[in-house]
């Protein structure tokens, strides 16, 4: 899977129900995945799945769209927008380490100014 395809597949996981989320997480995320954003740090797929469930509940209809991906030497940077309907609610960038075709460490950065401009 290309880095672009991996980031797009990972972004879609955030909007899935629990039953659909689990197999996608297995396919996209390393066994020892870590996740960090301005809200805190999480270790493991179970913790990240719970965090994603909370996102889905608090943001009905919210979808992440990957805008661009830069990648080299198993390091990857994805620029994204969080959309609800056609509005951009948040924009940001996520950094990830890719190992064996799966994301093993993800760090998300939120850009408060970018959300003011529809992408």
C-alpha atoms as a PDB file:
ATOM      1  CA  UNK A   1       0.000   0.000   0.000  1.00  0.00           C
ATOM      2  CA  UNK A   2       1.374   3.442  -0.861  1.00  0.00           C
ATOM      3  CA  UNK A   3       1.769   6.025   1.924  1.00  0.00           C
ATOM      4  CA  UNK A   4      -1.084   8.014   0.365  1.00  0.00           C
ATOM      5  CA  UNK A   5      -3.369   4.976   0.383  1.00  0.00           C
ATOM      6  CA  UNK A   6      -2.378   4.169   3.972  1.00  0.00           C
ATOM      7  CA  UNK A   7      -3.140   7.706   5.207  1.00  0.00           C
ATOM      8  CA  UNK A   8      -6.487   7.747   3.350  1.00  0.00           C
ATOM      9  CA  UNK A   9      -7.448   4.385   4.808  1.00  0.00           C
ATOM     10  CA  UNK A  10      -6.355   5.497   8.298  1.00  0.00           C
ATOM     11  CA  UNK A  11      -8.300   8.772   7.981  1.00  0.00           C
ATOM     12  CA  UNK A  12     -11.468   6.847   7.111  1.00  0.00           C
ATOM     13  CA  UNK A  13     -11.180   4.754  10.297  1.00  0.00           C
ATOM     14  CA  UNK A  14     -12.116   7.797  12.415  1.00  0.00           C
ATOM     15  CA  UNK A  15     -15.657   7.754  10.974  1.00  0.00           C
ATOM     16  CA  UNK A  16     -16.328   4.011  11.248  1.00  0.00           C
ATOM     17  CA  UNK A  17     -18.476   2.170  13.746  1.00  0.00           C
ATOM     18  CA  UNK A  18     -16.625  -0.086  16.211  1.00  0.00           C
ATOM     19  CA  UNK A  19     -17.256  -3.314  14.275  1.00  0.00           C
ATOM     20  CA  UNK A  20     -15.836  -1.882  11.056  1.00  0.00           C
ATOM     21  CA  UNK A  21     -13.092   0.061  12.843  1.00  0.00           C
ATOM     22  CA  UNK A  22     -11.298  -2.932  14.395  1.00  0.00           C
ATOM     23  CA  UNK A  23     -10.286  -4.802  11.198  1.00  0.00           C
ATOM     24  CA  UNK A  24      -9.180  -1.546   9.584  1.00  0.00           C
ATOM     25  CA  UNK A  25      -7.045  -0.716  12.605  1.00  0.00           C
ATOM     26  CA  UNK A  26      -5.386  -4.141  12.361  1.00  0.00           C
ATOM     27  CA  UNK A  27      -4.603  -3.493   8.701  1.00  0.00           C
ATOM     28  CA  UNK A  28      -3.327   0.086   9.131  1.00  0.00           C
ATOM     29  CA  UNK A  29      -1.800   0.306  12.608  1.00  0.00           C
ATOM     30  CA  UNK A  30       1.177  -1.497  14.125  1.00  0.00           C
ATOM     31  CA  UNK A  31       0.630  -3.701  17.164  1.00  0.00           C
ATOM     32  CA  UNK A  32       2.446  -1.175  19.363  1.00  0.00           C
ATOM     33  CA  UNK A  33       0.953   1.966  17.789  1.00  0.00           C
ATOM     34  CA  UNK A  34       1.174   5.231  19.682  1.00  0.00           C
ATOM     35  CA  UNK A  35      -0.904   8.325  19.034  1.00  0.00           C
ATOM     36  CA  UNK A  36      -0.402  11.842  20.297  1.00  0.00           C
ATOM     37  CA  UNK A  37      -2.250  15.083  19.629  1.00  0.00           C
ATOM     38  CA  UNK A  38      -2.814  18.283  21.636  1.00  0.00           C
ATOM     39  CA  UNK A  39      -5.433  16.431  23.716  1.00  0.00           C
ATOM     40  CA  UNK A  40      -2.952  13.848  25.015  1.00  0.00           C
ATOM     41  CA  UNK A  41      -1.039  10.674  24.271  1.00  0.00           C
ATOM     42  CA  UNK A  42      -2.375   7.151  23.755  1.00  0.00           C
ATOM     43  CA  UNK A  43      -0.588   3.800  23.541  1.00  0.00           C
ATOM     44  CA  UNK A  44      -2.128   0.806  21.784  1.00  0.00           C
ATOM     45  CA  UNK A  45      -4.925   0.130  19.330  1.00  0.00           C
ATOM     46  CA  UNK A  46      -7.560  -0.341  22.057  1.00  0.00           C
ATOM     47  CA  UNK A  47      -6.908   3.095  23.518  1.00  0.00           C
ATOM     48  CA  UNK A  48      -6.872   4.708  20.097  1.00  0.00           C
ATOM     49  CA  UNK A  49     -10.081   2.912  19.143  1.00  0.00           C
ATOM     50  CA  UNK A  50     -11.789   4.310  22.253  1.00  0.00           C
ATOM     51  CA  UNK A  51     -10.514   7.797  21.388  1.00  0.00           C
ATOM     52  CA  UNK A  52     -11.848   7.409  17.828  1.00  0.00           C
ATOM     53  CA  UNK A  53     -15.225   6.284  19.207  1.00  0.00           C
ATOM     54  CA  UNK A  54     -15.370   9.438  21.318  1.00  0.00           C
ATOM     55  CA  UNK A  55     -14.537  11.528  18.252  1.00  0.00           C
ATOM     56  CA  UNK A  56     -17.285   9.842  16.220  1.00  0.00           C
ATOM     57  CA  UNK A  57     -19.821  10.449  18.990  1.00  0.00           C
ATOM     58  CA  UNK A  58     -18.885  14.097  19.450  1.00  0.00           C
ATOM     59  CA  UNK A  59     -18.577  14.841  15.728  1.00  0.00           C
ATOM     60  CA  UNK A  60     -21.483  13.140  13.903  1.00  0.00           C
ATOM     61  CA  UNK A  61     -20.799  13.176  10.179  1.00  0.00           C
ATOM     62  CA  UNK A  62     -17.226  14.377  10.698  1.00  0.00           C
ATOM     63  CA  UNK A  63     -14.775  13.091   8.105  1.00  0.00           C
ATOM     64  CA  UNK A  64     -11.046  13.546   7.690  1.00  0.00           C
ATOM     65  CA  UNK A  65      -9.827  14.255   4.181  1.00  0.00           C
ATOM     66  CA  UNK A  66      -6.151  13.806   3.383  1.00  0.00           C
ATOM     67  CA  UNK A  67      -5.005  16.782   1.310  1.00  0.00           C
ATOM     68  CA  UNK A  68      -1.383  15.832   0.678  1.00  0.00           C
ATOM     69  CA  UNK A  69       1.284  13.350   1.791  1.00  0.00           C
ATOM     70  CA  UNK A  70       5.054  13.721   1.943  1.00  0.00           C
ATOM     71  CA  UNK A  71       7.046  10.553   2.539  1.00  0.00           C
ATOM     72  CA  UNK A  72      10.632   9.332   2.761  1.00  0.00           C
ATOM     73  CA  UNK A  73      12.621   6.747   4.741  1.00  0.00           C
ATOM     74  CA  UNK A  74       9.546   5.335   6.526  1.00  0.00           C
ATOM     75  CA  UNK A  75       8.599   8.828   7.733  1.00  0.00           C
ATOM     76  CA  UNK A  76       5.422  10.413   6.512  1.00  0.00           C
ATOM     77  CA  UNK A  77       3.640  13.747   6.820  1.00  0.00           C
ATOM     78  CA  UNK A  78      -0.035  14.060   5.938  1.00  0.00           C
ATOM     79  CA  UNK A  79      -1.895  17.350   5.661  1.00  0.00           C
ATOM     80  CA  UNK A  80      -5.594  16.936   6.441  1.00  0.00           C
ATOM     81  CA  UNK A  81      -8.904  18.726   6.883  1.00  0.00           C
ATOM     82  CA  UNK A  82     -11.736  17.722   9.189  1.00  0.00           C
ATOM     83  CA  UNK A  83     -15.001  18.305   7.385  1.00  0.00           C
ATOM     84  CA  UNK A  84     -18.581  18.172   8.480  1.00  0.00           C
ATOM     85  CA  UNK A  85     -20.863  18.374   5.498  1.00  0.00           C
ATOM     86  CA  UNK A  86     -18.876  20.731   3.244  1.00  0.00           C
ATOM     87  CA  UNK A  87     -17.482  22.921   6.025  1.00  0.00           C
ATOM     88  CA  UNK A  88     -13.882  22.663   7.170  1.00  0.00           C
ATOM     89  CA  UNK A  89     -13.982  22.547  10.968  1.00  0.00           C
ATOM     90  CA  UNK A  90     -10.300  21.917  11.622  1.00  0.00           C
ATOM     91  CA  UNK A  91      -7.142  21.489   9.623  1.00  0.00           C
ATOM     92  CA  UNK A  92      -3.818  20.069  10.586  1.00  0.00           C
ATOM     93  CA  UNK A  93      -0.869  17.884   9.854  1.00  0.00           C
ATOM     94  CA  UNK A  94      -0.037  14.423  11.132  1.00  0.00           C
ATOM     95  CA  UNK A  95       3.391  12.847  11.271  1.00  0.00           C
ATOM     96  CA  UNK A  96       3.727   9.081  11.195  1.00  0.00           C
ATOM     97  CA  UNK A  97       6.380   6.405  11.209  1.00  0.00           C
ATOM     98  CA  UNK A  98       5.569   3.551   8.844  1.00  0.00           C
ATOM     99  CA  UNK A  99       6.882   0.065   9.532  1.00  0.00           C
ATOM    100  CA  UNK A 100       5.899  -3.042   7.577  1.00  0.00           C
ATOM    101  CA  UNK A 101       3.251  -1.023   5.761  1.00  0.00           C
ATOM    102  CA  UNK A 102       1.464   0.148   8.912  1.00  0.00           C
ATOM    103  CA  UNK A 103       1.565   3.314  10.968  1.00  0.00           C
ATOM    104  CA  UNK A 104       3.449   2.733  14.200  1.00  0.00           C
ATOM    105  CA  UNK A 105       3.658   6.217  15.688  1.00  0.00           C
ATOM    106  CA  UNK A 106       1.300   9.059  14.843  1.00  0.00           C
ATOM    107  CA  UNK A 107       1.480  12.648  16.052  1.00  0.00           C
ATOM    108  CA  UNK A 108      -1.264  15.082  15.071  1.00  0.00           C
ATOM    109  CA  UNK A 109      -0.927  18.850  15.005  1.00  0.00           C
ATOM    110  CA  UNK A 110      -3.996  21.108  14.810  1.00  0.00           C
ATOM    111  CA  UNK A 111      -3.819  24.336  12.809  1.00  0.00           C
ATOM    112  CA  UNK A 112      -6.362  26.796  14.237  1.00  0.00           C
ATOM    113  CA  UNK A 113      -5.889  29.291  11.413  1.00  0.00           C
ATOM    114  CA  UNK A 114      -6.256  26.841   8.533  1.00  0.00           C
ATOM    115  CA  UNK A 115      -9.813  25.962   9.593  1.00  0.00           C
ATOM    116  CA  UNK A 116     -10.846  29.493   8.652  1.00  0.00           C
ATOM    117  CA  UNK A 117     -10.102  28.787   4.987  1.00  0.00           C
ATOM    118  CA  UNK A 118     -12.106  26.156   3.120  1.00  0.00           C
ATOM    119  CA  UNK A 119      -9.736  23.822   1.285  1.00  0.00           C
END
